Amino acid sequence: MKKFIVLALLFLGPTIYSQNDDLGQIKLAVVTPDFLLEDLTLSHVSKIQTKIQSMVSNSGMSGTDYINDFVIYPKFEIYAQDIIPGTYGDIHSIEAELTLLVVDAKTKSLLAAAFPLKLKGESRRSRDDAITKSIGRIKTRGQDIEKFMGVIKQKIMDYYQSNCNRIYNEADAMLNHGLVADAINLLLTVPNSLSGDCYAKIQSKLVEAYVVYSDLKCKTLITEAKTAINKSELDYARGLLEQISKNSSCYSEAQSLMKGIETNKNSENSEKNQDAEVKLEKRKETVLKKAQREVAQKDDKEQLCDLGIGVDCN
């Protein structure tokens, strides 16, 4: 059965982004279409995938295992192959081209295409091994790659710069209609390298969405806070409970637990406040990632089929 593989390296960061995380980086879904399997094995496809992911990461962008706005995928064409007789055995030889394409998943328009990279592989073992050797010659750094990735980054930045206010307004409307996870997913698409007042508005709206999402999941916060209290992690427990607003159904219980924490706040076993802050930020990252994935993966199959690179689209 034909398959596609979407490779991801998505790490979430606070503030909601931190300077050391790639949650706020430009995101590309690194997709290996099913049509590659007509000439290649799953192992070959995985190796190509890894090469492209390295190109993306080396350029300061982040891969995802879901599709939001932009997709990068390869075309790998074997245009010549031969078996050359040799003194110590036949040599399998292949010549191929690798082309990278970046598309806007929503409009289906081509954002950029890299010039075909010529590849050659030879092996005494097999044709598959010759293909493996050709893939191994794909460079993930270099002036041409940097130039190509630079063009992609700039075009994507231009897109978000032009559409920032629209994204903010759409996210605001989603929140007003109770589509909290959808709003988080949309807001997290905006990279932290965006300039201007609009990005500050995006961040403010993201914090608002996180608070609302926390209210919806307040039972989980209560359970985690109780566990932290039992472990004398009082600052962490307080931080969890402070995320529950007055409008939440859990507010009374949260306030009751807060009073108990204040009574025991001088406990010698309580963890340091700095440690609690780190744990709270990590939790926020996990929650945001979960909320984003809840929405983003729903339409992946349809989007890939629309782009002509999907699986079982008939």
C-alpha atoms as a PDB file:
ATOM      1  CA  MET A   1       0.000   0.000   0.000  1.00  0.00           C
ATOM      2  CA  LYS A   2       1.325   3.421  -0.866  1.00  0.00           C
ATOM      3  CA  LYS A   3       2.217   5.669   2.011  1.00  0.00           C
ATOM      4  CA  PHE A   4       3.519   9.121   2.680  1.00  0.00           C
ATOM      5  CA  ILE A   5       5.686  10.206   5.538  1.00  0.00           C
ATOM      6  CA  VAL A   6       5.533  13.587   7.199  1.00  0.00           C
ATOM      7  CA  LEU A   7       8.627  14.273   9.251  1.00  0.00           C
ATOM      8  CA  ALA A   8       8.480  16.489  12.265  1.00  0.00           C
ATOM      9  CA  LEU A   9      10.769  18.232  14.629  1.00  0.00           C
ATOM     10  CA  LEU A  10       8.507  20.599  16.448  1.00  0.00           C
ATOM     11  CA  PHE A  11       9.633  21.920  19.811  1.00  0.00           C
ATOM     12  CA  LEU A  12       7.364  24.341  21.651  1.00  0.00           C
ATOM     13  CA  GLY A  13       8.571  27.379  23.579  1.00  0.00           C
ATOM     14  CA  PRO A  14       7.157  29.957  25.986  1.00  0.00           C
ATOM     15  CA  THR A  15       6.393  33.712  25.958  1.00  0.00           C
ATOM     16  CA  ILE A  16       4.748  32.368  24.508  1.00  0.00           C
ATOM     17  CA  TYR A  17       7.997  31.600  22.595  1.00  0.00           C
ATOM     18  CA  SER A  18      11.441  31.448  24.155  1.00  0.00           C
ATOM     19  CA  GLN A  19      14.527  32.562  22.273  1.00  0.00           C
ATOM     20  CA  ASN A  20      15.994  29.066  22.402  1.00  0.00           C
ATOM     21  CA  ASP A  21      13.007  27.131  21.048  1.00  0.00           C
ATOM     22  CA  ASP A  22      11.631  26.755  17.544  1.00  0.00           C
ATOM     23  CA  LEU A  23       7.928  27.004  18.326  1.00  0.00           C
ATOM     24  CA  GLY A  24       8.045  30.498  16.874  1.00  0.00           C
ATOM     25  CA  GLN A  25      10.127  29.579  13.844  1.00  0.00           C
ATOM     26  CA  ILE A  26       8.819  29.443  10.306  1.00  0.00           C
ATOM     27  CA  LYS A  27       7.229  26.034   9.861  1.00  0.00           C
ATOM     28  CA  LEU A  28       7.359  23.738   6.857  1.00  0.00           C
ATOM     29  CA  ALA A  29       5.672  20.364   6.640  1.00  0.00           C
ATOM     30  CA  VAL A  30       8.310  18.050   5.162  1.00  0.00           C
ATOM     31  CA  VAL A  31       6.304  15.609   3.067  1.00  0.00           C
ATOM     32  CA  THR A  32       7.461  12.639   1.037  1.00  0.00           C
ATOM     33  CA  PRO A  33       4.653  11.866  -1.458  1.00  0.00           C
ATOM     34  CA  ASP A  34       3.427   8.365  -2.175  1.00  0.00           C
ATOM     35  CA  PHE A  35       4.463   8.561  -5.837  1.00  0.00           C
ATOM     36  CA  LEU A  36       8.105   8.322  -4.759  1.00  0.00           C
ATOM     37  CA  LEU A  37       7.487   4.673  -3.900  1.00  0.00           C
ATOM     38  CA  GLU A  38       7.041   3.843  -7.569  1.00  0.00           C
ATOM     39  CA  ASP A  39      10.828   3.843  -7.959  1.00  0.00           C
ATOM     40  CA  LEU A  40      12.088   3.910  -4.368  1.00  0.00           C
ATOM     41  CA  THR A  41      11.827   1.828  -1.216  1.00  0.00           C
ATOM     42  CA  LEU A  42      10.598   3.125   2.125  1.00  0.00           C
ATOM     43  CA  SER A  43      14.210   3.206   3.253  1.00  0.00           C
ATOM     44  CA  HIS A  44      15.150   5.451   0.318  1.00  0.00           C
ATOM     45  CA  VAL A  45      12.206   7.752   1.018  1.00  0.00           C
ATOM     46  CA  SER A  46      13.151   7.999   4.687  1.00  0.00           C
ATOM     47  CA  LYS A  47      16.714   8.978   3.768  1.00  0.00           C
ATOM     48  CA  ILE A  48      15.495  11.690   1.381  1.00  0.00           C
ATOM     49  CA  GLN A  49      13.160  12.911   4.097  1.00  0.00           C
ATOM     50  CA  THR A  50      16.015  13.176   6.569  1.00  0.00           C
ATOM     51  CA  LYS A  51      18.124  15.111   4.065  1.00  0.00           C
ATOM     52  CA  ILE A  52      15.366  17.654   3.447  1.00  0.00           C
ATOM     53  CA  GLN A  53      14.677  17.978   7.159  1.00  0.00           C
ATOM     54  CA  SER A  54      18.356  18.799   7.684  1.00  0.00           C
ATOM     55  CA  MET A  55      18.172  21.478   4.985  1.00  0.00           C
ATOM     56  CA  VAL A  56      15.143  23.019   6.681  1.00  0.00           C
ATOM     57  CA  SER A  57      16.681  22.873  10.154  1.00  0.00           C
ATOM     58  CA  ASN A  58      20.049  24.206   8.977  1.00  0.00           C
ATOM     59  CA  SER A  59      18.274  27.230   7.537  1.00  0.00           C
ATOM     60  CA  GLY A  60      16.636  28.113  10.858  1.00  0.00           C
ATOM     61  CA  MET A  61      13.169  26.811  10.049  1.00  0.00           C
ATOM     62  CA  SER A  62      11.175  24.062  11.720  1.00  0.00           C
ATOM     63  CA  GLY A  63       9.560  20.936  10.297  1.00  0.00           C
ATOM     64  CA  THR A  64       6.140  19.776  11.455  1.00  0.00           C
ATOM     65  CA  ASP A  65       4.204  16.519  11.315  1.00  0.00           C
ATOM     66  CA  TYR A  66       1.061  18.342  10.278  1.00  0.00           C
ATOM     67  CA  ILE A  67       0.144  20.920   7.655  1.00  0.00           C
ATOM     68  CA  ASN A  68      -0.799  24.509   8.366  1.00  0.00           C
ATOM     69  CA  ASP A  69       0.222  26.759   5.506  1.00  0.00           C
ATOM     70  CA  PHE A  70       3.347  25.575   3.704  1.00  0.00           C
ATOM     71  CA  VAL A  71       4.664  22.251   2.461  1.00  0.00           C
ATOM     72  CA  ILE A  72       8.056  21.257   1.099  1.00  0.00           C
ATOM     73  CA  TYR A  73       8.321  18.009  -0.830  1.00  0.00           C
ATOM     74  CA  PRO A  74      10.765  16.306  -3.223  1.00  0.00           C
ATOM     75  CA  LYS A  75      10.572  14.880  -6.699  1.00  0.00           C
ATOM     76  CA  PHE A  76      13.187  12.188  -7.253  1.00  0.00           C
ATOM     77  CA  GLU A  77      13.491  11.037 -10.844  1.00  0.00           C
ATOM     78  CA  ILE A  78      15.785   8.264 -12.062  1.00  0.00           C
ATOM     79  CA  TYR A  79      16.460   9.158 -15.674  1.00  0.00           C
ATOM     80  CA  ALA A  80      19.252   6.678 -16.460  1.00  0.00           C
ATOM     81  CA  GLN A  81      20.274   3.271 -15.132  1.00  0.00           C
ATOM     82  CA  ASP A  82      22.658   0.612 -16.325  1.00  0.00           C
ATOM     83  CA  ILE A  83      24.473  -2.544 -15.347  1.00  0.00           C
ATOM     84  CA  ILE A  84      28.145  -2.271 -16.281  1.00  0.00           C
ATOM     85  CA  PRO A  85      30.134  -5.531 -16.574  1.00  0.00           C
ATOM     86  CA  GLY A  86      33.297  -5.513 -14.500  1.00  0.00           C
ATOM     87  CA  THR A  87      36.233  -7.737 -13.701  1.00  0.00           C
ATOM     88  CA  TYR A  88      35.103  -8.172 -10.098  1.00  0.00           C
ATOM     89  CA  GLY A  89      31.374  -8.213 -10.784  1.00  0.00           C
ATOM     90  CA  ASP A  90      28.720  -6.124 -12.420  1.00  0.00           C
ATOM     91  CA  ILE A  91      28.284  -2.494 -11.364  1.00  0.00           C
ATOM     92  CA  HIS A  92      24.791  -1.091 -10.953  1.00  0.00           C
ATOM     93  CA  SER A  93      24.734   2.550 -11.996  1.00  0.00           C
ATOM     94  CA  ILE A  94      21.917   5.107 -11.729  1.00  0.00           C
ATOM     95  CA  GLU A  95      21.605   8.788 -12.517  1.00  0.00           C
ATOM     96  CA  ALA A  96      18.854  10.828 -10.919  1.00  0.00           C
ATOM     97  CA  GLU A  97      17.515  14.323 -10.289  1.00  0.00           C
ATOM     98  CA  LEU A  98      16.192  15.698  -7.028  1.00  0.00           C
ATOM     99  CA  THR A  99      13.887  18.728  -7.196  1.00  0.00           C
ATOM    100  CA  LEU A 100      12.438  20.469  -4.132  1.00  0.00           C
ATOM    101  CA  LEU A 101       9.088  22.224  -4.306  1.00  0.00           C
ATOM    102  CA  VAL A 102       7.454  24.495  -1.739  1.00  0.00           C
ATOM    103  CA  VAL A 103       3.735  25.169  -2.037  1.00  0.00           C
ATOM    104  CA  ASP A 104       1.081  27.135  -0.215  1.00  0.00           C
ATOM    105  CA  ALA A 105      -1.230  24.369   1.005  1.00  0.00           C
ATOM    106  CA  LYS A 106      -4.271  26.632   1.013  1.00  0.00           C
ATOM    107  CA  THR A 107      -3.969  28.231  -2.408  1.00  0.00           C
ATOM    108  CA  LYS A 108      -2.045  25.313  -4.007  1.00  0.00           C
ATOM    109  CA  SER A 109       0.304  27.872  -5.546  1.00  0.00           C
ATOM    110  CA  LEU A 110       3.991  27.124  -6.018  1.00  0.00           C
ATOM    111  CA  LEU A 111       6.071  29.250  -3.692  1.00  0.00           C
ATOM    112  CA  ALA A 112       9.501  28.136  -4.906  1.00  0.00           C
ATOM    113  CA  ALA A 113      11.232  25.313  -6.748  1.00  0.00           C
ATOM    114  CA  ALA A 114      14.904  24.413  -6.487  1.00  0.00           C
ATOM    115  CA  PHE A 115      16.898  23.647  -9.593  1.00  0.00           C
ATOM    116  CA  PRO A 116      17.232  19.896 -10.199  1.00  0.00           C
ATOM    117  CA  LEU A 117      20.175  18.457  -8.311  1.00  0.00           C
ATOM    118  CA  LYS A 118      22.052  15.904 -10.397  1.00  0.00           C
ATOM    119  CA  LEU A 119      22.911  12.698  -8.515  1.00  0.00           C
ATOM    120  CA  LYS A 120      24.786   9.541  -9.384  1.00  0.00           C
ATOM    121  CA  GLY A 121      25.242   6.261  -7.544  1.00  0.00           C
ATOM    122  CA  GLU A 122      27.132   3.067  -8.280  1.00  0.00           C
ATOM    123  CA  SER A 123      27.195  -0.261  -6.459  1.00  0.00           C
ATOM    124  CA  ARG A 124      28.380  -3.801  -7.009  1.00  0.00           C
ATOM    125  CA  ARG A 125      25.652  -5.047  -4.687  1.00  0.00           C
ATOM    126  CA  SER A 126      22.347  -3.943  -6.224  1.00  0.00           C
ATOM    127  CA  ARG A 127      20.322  -1.220  -7.910  1.00  0.00           C
ATOM    128  CA  ASP A 128      18.774  -0.301  -4.549  1.00  0.00           C
ATOM    129  CA  ASP A 129      22.219   0.190  -3.062  1.00  0.00           C
ATOM    130  CA  ALA A 130      23.194   2.393  -5.997  1.00  0.00           C
ATOM    131  CA  ILE A 131      20.128   4.545  -5.281  1.00  0.00           C
ATOM    132  CA  THR A 132      21.089   4.702  -1.619  1.00  0.00           C
ATOM    133  CA  LYS A 133      24.544   5.950  -2.565  1.00  0.00           C
ATOM    134  CA  SER A 134      23.072   8.623  -4.831  1.00  0.00           C
ATOM    135  CA  ILE A 135      20.835   9.856  -2.013  1.00  0.00           C
ATOM    136  CA  GLY A 136      23.856   9.953   0.274  1.00  0.00           C
ATOM    137  CA  ARG A 137      25.388  12.558  -2.053  1.00  0.00           C
ATOM    138  CA  ILE A 138      22.572  15.037  -1.418  1.00  0.00           C
ATOM    139  CA  LYS A 139      24.141  18.007   0.323  1.00  0.00           C
ATOM    140  CA  THR A 140      22.255  19.682   3.181  1.00  0.00           C
ATOM    141  CA  ARG A 141      24.433  22.799   3.296  1.00  0.00           C
ATOM    142  CA  GLY A 142      25.973  25.054   0.727  1.00  0.00           C
ATOM    143  CA  GLN A 143      25.543  28.378  -1.027  1.00  0.00           C
ATOM    144  CA  ASP A 144      22.839  27.174  -3.418  1.00  0.00           C
ATOM    145  CA  ILE A 145      20.804  25.579  -0.623  1.00  0.00           C
ATOM    146  CA  GLU A 146      21.149  28.648   1.584  1.00  0.00           C
ATOM    147  CA  LYS A 147      19.993  30.862  -1.273  1.00  0.00           C
ATOM    148  CA  PHE A 148      16.972  28.650  -1.978  1.00  0.00           C
ATOM    149  CA  MET A 149      15.967  28.423   1.680  1.00  0.00           C
ATOM    150  CA  GLY A 150      16.498  32.158   2.049  1.00  0.00           C
ATOM    151  CA  VAL A 151      14.019  32.809  -0.749  1.00  0.00           C
ATOM    152  CA  ILE A 152      11.485  30.518   0.932  1.00  0.00           C
ATOM    153  CA  LYS A 153      11.894  32.211   4.307  1.00  0.00           C
ATOM    154  CA  GLN A 154      11.447  35.660   2.841  1.00  0.00           C
ATOM    155  CA  LYS A 155       8.335  34.707   0.881  1.00  0.00           C
ATOM    156  CA  ILE A 156       6.782  33.096   3.939  1.00  0.00           C
ATOM    157  CA  MET A 157       7.660  36.110   6.084  1.00  0.00           C
ATOM    158  CA  ASP A 158       6.074  38.380   3.474  1.00  0.00           C
ATOM    159  CA  TYR A 159       2.935  36.242   3.637  1.00  0.00           C
ATOM    160  CA  TYR A 160       2.617  36.543   7.413  1.00  0.00           C
ATOM    161  CA  GLN A 161       3.504  40.223   7.371  1.00  0.00           C
ATOM    162  CA  SER A 162       0.715  40.868   4.877  1.00  0.00           C
ATOM    163  CA  ASN A 163      -1.807  38.615   6.613  1.00  0.00           C
ATOM    164  CA  CYS A 164      -1.008  39.236  10.274  1.00  0.00           C
ATOM    165  CA  ASN A 165      -4.070  41.361  10.997  1.00  0.00           C
ATOM    166  CA  ARG A 166      -6.325  38.920   9.163  1.00  0.00           C
ATOM    167  CA  ILE A 167      -4.922  36.035  11.218  1.00  0.00           C
ATOM    168  CA  TYR A 168      -5.474  38.014  14.419  1.00  0.00           C
ATOM    169  CA  ASN A 169      -9.081  38.809  13.497  1.00  0.00           C
ATOM    170  CA  GLU A 170      -9.813  35.205  12.490  1.00  0.00           C
ATOM    171  CA  ALA A 171      -8.342  33.904  15.744  1.00  0.00           C
ATOM    172  CA  ASP A 172     -10.360  36.436  17.725  1.00  0.00           C
ATOM    173  CA  ALA A 173     -13.542  35.294  15.979  1.00  0.00           C
ATOM    174  CA  MET A 174     -12.685  31.659  16.710  1.00  0.00           C
ATOM    175  CA  LEU A 175     -12.268  32.428  20.406  1.00  0.00           C
ATOM    176  CA  ASN A 176     -15.601  34.252  20.456  1.00  0.00           C
ATOM    177  CA  HIS A 177     -17.243  31.156  18.977  1.00  0.00           C
ATOM    178  CA  GLY A 178     -15.574  28.768  21.408  1.00  0.00           C
ATOM    179  CA  LEU A 179     -13.113  27.337  18.872  1.00  0.00           C
ATOM    180  CA  VAL A 180     -10.205  27.670  21.271  1.00  0.00           C
ATOM    181  CA  ALA A 181      -7.904  24.971  19.878  1.00  0.00           C
ATOM    182  CA  ASP A 182      -8.499  26.307  16.359  1.00  0.00           C
ATOM    183  CA  ALA A 183      -7.483  29.780  17.507  1.00  0.00           C
ATOM    184  CA  ILE A 184      -4.307  28.446  19.140  1.00  0.00           C
ATOM    185  CA  ASN A 185      -3.405  26.519  16.002  1.00  0.00           C
ATOM    186  CA  LEU A 186      -3.868  29.595  13.828  1.00  0.00           C
ATOM    187  CA  LEU A 187      -1.933  31.951  16.130  1.00  0.00           C
ATOM    188  CA  LEU A 188       0.996  29.542  16.423  1.00  0.00           C
ATOM    189  CA  THR A 189       1.566  29.657  12.677  1.00  0.00           C
ATOM    190  CA  VAL A 190       2.869  33.226  12.946  1.00  0.00           C
ATOM    191  CA  PRO A 191       6.699  33.185  13.310  1.00  0.00           C
ATOM    192  CA  ASN A 192       8.374  35.141  16.102  1.00  0.00           C
ATOM    193  CA  SER A 193      10.642  36.911  13.623  1.00  0.00           C
ATOM    194  CA  LEU A 194       7.680  38.948  12.421  1.00  0.00           C
ATOM    195  CA  SER A 195       8.076  42.678  12.990  1.00  0.00           C
ATOM    196  CA  GLY A 196       5.602  45.364  13.982  1.00  0.00           C
ATOM    197  CA  ASP A 197       2.789  45.859  16.451  1.00  0.00           C
ATOM    198  CA  CYS A 198       0.690  43.094  14.961  1.00  0.00           C
ATOM    199  CA  TYR A 199       2.991  40.392  16.309  1.00  0.00           C
ATOM    200  CA  ALA A 200       2.567  41.785  19.837  1.00  0.00           C
ATOM    201  CA  LYS A 201      -1.189  41.516  19.310  1.00  0.00           C
ATOM    202  CA  ILE A 202      -0.774  37.917  18.142  1.00  0.00           C
ATOM    203  CA  GLN A 203       1.154  37.059  21.304  1.00  0.00           C
ATOM    204  CA  SER A 204      -1.400  38.763  23.516  1.00  0.00           C
ATOM    205  CA  LYS A 205      -4.217  36.867  21.836  1.00  0.00           C
ATOM    206  CA  LEU A 206      -2.265  33.612  22.218  1.00  0.00           C
ATOM    207  CA  VAL A 207      -1.955  34.184  25.968  1.00  0.00           C
ATOM    208  CA  GLU A 208      -5.693  34.872  26.090  1.00  0.00           C
ATOM    209  CA  ALA A 209      -6.407  31.672  24.180  1.00  0.00           C
ATOM    210  CA  TYR A 210      -4.166  29.678  26.510  1.00  0.00           C
ATOM    211  CA  VAL A 211      -6.050  30.992  29.563  1.00  0.00           C
ATOM    212  CA  VAL A 212      -9.398  30.062  28.009  1.00  0.00           C
ATOM    213  CA  TYR A 213      -8.068  26.635  27.040  1.00  0.00           C
ATOM    214  CA  SER A 214      -6.822  26.126  30.599  1.00  0.00           C
ATOM    215  CA  ASP A 215     -10.288  26.965  31.926  1.00  0.00           C
ATOM    216  CA  LEU A 216     -11.796  24.348  29.639  1.00  0.00           C
ATOM    217  CA  LYS A 217      -9.305  21.829  30.988  1.00  0.00           C
ATOM    218  CA  CYS A 218      -9.554  23.018  34.602  1.00  0.00           C
ATOM    219  CA  LYS A 219     -10.219  19.549  36.034  1.00  0.00           C
ATOM    220  CA  THR A 220      -6.806  18.503  34.741  1.00  0.00           C
ATOM    221  CA  LEU A 221      -5.230  21.561  36.376  1.00  0.00           C
ATOM    222  CA  ILE A 222      -6.895  20.708  39.692  1.00  0.00           C
ATOM    223  CA  THR A 223      -5.647  17.122  39.554  1.00  0.00           C
ATOM    224  CA  GLU A 224      -2.090  18.218  38.712  1.00  0.00           C
ATOM    225  CA  ALA A 225      -2.153  20.845  41.461  1.00  0.00           C
ATOM    226  CA  LYS A 226      -3.212  18.282  44.059  1.00  0.00           C
ATOM    227  CA  THR A 227      -0.375  16.005  42.988  1.00  0.00           C
ATOM    228  CA  ALA A 228       2.093  18.895  43.271  1.00  0.00           C
ATOM    229  CA  ILE A 229       0.808  19.774  46.755  1.00  0.00           C
ATOM    230  CA  ASN A 230       1.288  16.183  47.889  1.00  0.00           C
ATOM    231  CA  LYS A 231       4.887  16.424  46.671  1.00  0.00           C
ATOM    232  CA  SER A 232       5.357  19.775  48.472  1.00  0.00           C
ATOM    233  CA  GLU A 233       5.807  21.494  45.100  1.00  0.00           C
ATOM    234  CA  LEU A 234       3.795  24.427  46.369  1.00  0.00           C
ATOM    235  CA  ASP A 235       4.982  27.135  43.969  1.00  0.00           C
ATOM    236  CA  TYR A 236       4.229  24.888  41.017  1.00  0.00           C
ATOM    237  CA  ALA A 237       0.797  24.059  42.410  1.00  0.00           C
ATOM    238  CA  ARG A 238       0.084  27.754  42.942  1.00  0.00           C
ATOM    239  CA  GLY A 239       1.104  28.503  39.360  1.00  0.00           C
ATOM    240  CA  LEU A 240      -1.288  25.851  38.067  1.00  0.00           C
ATOM    241  CA  LEU A 241      -4.199  27.114  40.136  1.00  0.00           C
ATOM    242  CA  GLU A 242      -3.602  30.726  39.146  1.00  0.00           C
ATOM    243  CA  GLN A 243      -4.420  29.748  35.571  1.00  0.00           C
ATOM    244  CA  ILE A 244      -8.030  29.045  36.566  1.00  0.00           C
ATOM    245  CA  SER A 245     -10.120  32.185  36.118  1.00  0.00           C
ATOM    246  CA  LYS A 246     -13.169  33.347  38.069  1.00  0.00           C
ATOM    247  CA  ASN A 247     -15.386  32.249  35.200  1.00  0.00           C
ATOM    248  CA  SER A 248     -14.253  28.644  35.488  1.00  0.00           C
ATOM    249  CA  SER A 249     -16.375  25.907  37.040  1.00  0.00           C
ATOM    250  CA  CYS A 250     -13.292  24.903  39.032  1.00  0.00           C
ATOM    251  CA  TYR A 251     -12.678  28.350  40.544  1.00  0.00           C
ATOM    252  CA  SER A 252     -14.058  27.615  44.037  1.00  0.00           C
ATOM    253  CA  GLU A 253     -12.046  24.428  44.372  1.00  0.00           C
ATOM    254  CA  ALA A 254      -8.952  26.201  43.093  1.00  0.00           C
ATOM    255  CA  GLN A 255      -9.328  28.959  45.694  1.00  0.00           C
ATOM    256  CA  SER A 256      -9.754  26.389  48.443  1.00  0.00           C
ATOM    257  CA  LEU A 257      -6.521  24.700  47.421  1.00  0.00           C
ATOM    258  CA  MET A 258      -4.766  28.075  47.234  1.00  0.00           C
ATOM    259  CA  LYS A 259      -5.666  28.794  50.854  1.00  0.00           C
ATOM    260  CA  GLY A 260      -4.103  25.513  51.890  1.00  0.00           C
ATOM    261  CA  ILE A 261      -0.953  26.379  49.962  1.00  0.00           C
ATOM    262  CA  GLU A 262      -0.648  29.766  51.665  1.00  0.00           C
ATOM    263  CA  THR A 263      -0.888  28.042  55.035  1.00  0.00           C
ATOM    264  CA  ASN A 264       2.022  25.774  54.145  1.00  0.00           C
ATOM    265  CA  LYS A 265       4.012  28.114  51.895  1.00  0.00           C
ATOM    266  CA  ASN A 266       7.018  28.138  54.218  1.00  0.00           C
ATOM    267  CA  SER A 267       7.428  24.388  54.000  1.00  0.00           C
ATOM    268  CA  GLU A 268      11.116  23.498  53.868  1.00  0.00           C
ATOM    269  CA  ASN A 269      10.455  20.872  51.205  1.00  0.00           C
ATOM    270  CA  SER A 270       8.816  23.261  48.779  1.00  0.00           C
ATOM    271  CA  GLU A 271      10.716  23.538  45.503  1.00  0.00           C
ATOM    272  CA  LYS A 272      12.372  26.806  44.524  1.00  0.00           C
ATOM    273  CA  ASN A 273      10.201  29.321  42.678  1.00  0.00           C
ATOM    274  CA  GLN A 274      12.573  29.307  39.702  1.00  0.00           C
ATOM    275  CA  ASP A 275      12.146  25.551  39.295  1.00  0.00           C
ATOM    276  CA  ALA A 276       8.380  25.992  39.415  1.00  0.00           C
ATOM    277  CA  GLU A 277       8.515  28.617  36.658  1.00  0.00           C
ATOM    278  CA  VAL A 278      10.483  26.282  34.421  1.00  0.00           C
ATOM    279  CA  LYS A 279       7.986  23.484  34.988  1.00  0.00           C
ATOM    280  CA  LEU A 280       5.058  25.798  34.289  1.00  0.00           C
ATOM    281  CA  GLU A 281       6.607  26.938  31.007  1.00  0.00           C
ATOM    282  CA  LYS A 282       7.248  23.345  29.959  1.00  0.00           C
ATOM    283  CA  ARG A 283       3.679  22.469  30.766  1.00  0.00           C
ATOM    284  CA  LYS A 284       2.465  25.417  28.716  1.00  0.00           C
ATOM    285  CA  GLU A 285       4.527  24.212  25.774  1.00  0.00           C
ATOM    286  CA  THR A 286       3.006  20.740  26.007  1.00  0.00           C
ATOM    287  CA  VAL A 287      -0.539  22.070  26.277  1.00  0.00           C
ATOM    288  CA  LEU A 288      -0.126  24.392  23.286  1.00  0.00           C
ATOM    289  CA  LYS A 289       1.382  21.622  21.207  1.00  0.00           C
ATOM    290  CA  LYS A 290      -1.497  19.292  22.035  1.00  0.00           C
ATOM    291  CA  ALA A 291      -4.092  21.956  21.264  1.00  0.00           C
ATOM    292  CA  GLN A 292      -2.449  22.771  17.937  1.00  0.00           C
ATOM    293  CA  ARG A 293      -2.199  19.153  16.860  1.00  0.00           C
ATOM    294  CA  GLU A 294      -5.859  18.567  17.747  1.00  0.00           C
ATOM    295  CA  VAL A 295      -6.790  20.863  14.893  1.00  0.00           C
ATOM    296  CA  ALA A 296      -3.926  20.803  12.419  1.00  0.00           C
ATOM    297  CA  GLN A 297      -3.948  17.088  11.671  1.00  0.00           C
ATOM    298  CA  LYS A 298      -7.679  16.898  10.953  1.00  0.00           C
ATOM    299  CA  ASP A 299      -7.468  18.160   7.381  1.00  0.00           C
ATOM    300  CA  ASP A 300      -4.051  16.796   6.410  1.00  0.00           C
ATOM    301  CA  LYS A 301      -5.309  14.026   4.134  1.00  0.00           C
ATOM    302  CA  GLU A 302      -7.640  16.347   2.230  1.00  0.00           C
ATOM    303  CA  GLN A 303      -4.936  18.992   1.848  1.00  0.00           C
ATOM    304  CA  LEU A 304      -2.373  16.492   0.558  1.00  0.00           C
ATOM    305  CA  CYS A 305      -4.858  15.057  -1.921  1.00  0.00           C
ATOM    306  CA  ASP A 306      -5.710  18.551  -3.143  1.00  0.00           C
ATOM    307  CA  LEU A 307      -2.009  19.113  -3.744  1.00  0.00           C
ATOM    308  CA  GLY A 308      -1.719  15.870  -5.682  1.00  0.00           C
ATOM    309  CA  ILE A 309       0.671  14.273  -3.197  1.00  0.00           C
ATOM    310  CA  GLY A 310      -1.756  12.435  -0.934  1.00  0.00           C
ATOM    311  CA  VAL A 311      -2.577   8.826  -0.124  1.00  0.00           C
ATOM    312  CA  ASP A 312      -5.711   6.876  -1.071  1.00  0.00           C
ATOM    313  CA  CYS A 313      -7.311   9.968  -2.555  1.00  0.00           C
ATOM    314  CA  ASN A 314      -9.810   8.196  -4.816  1.00  0.00           C
END
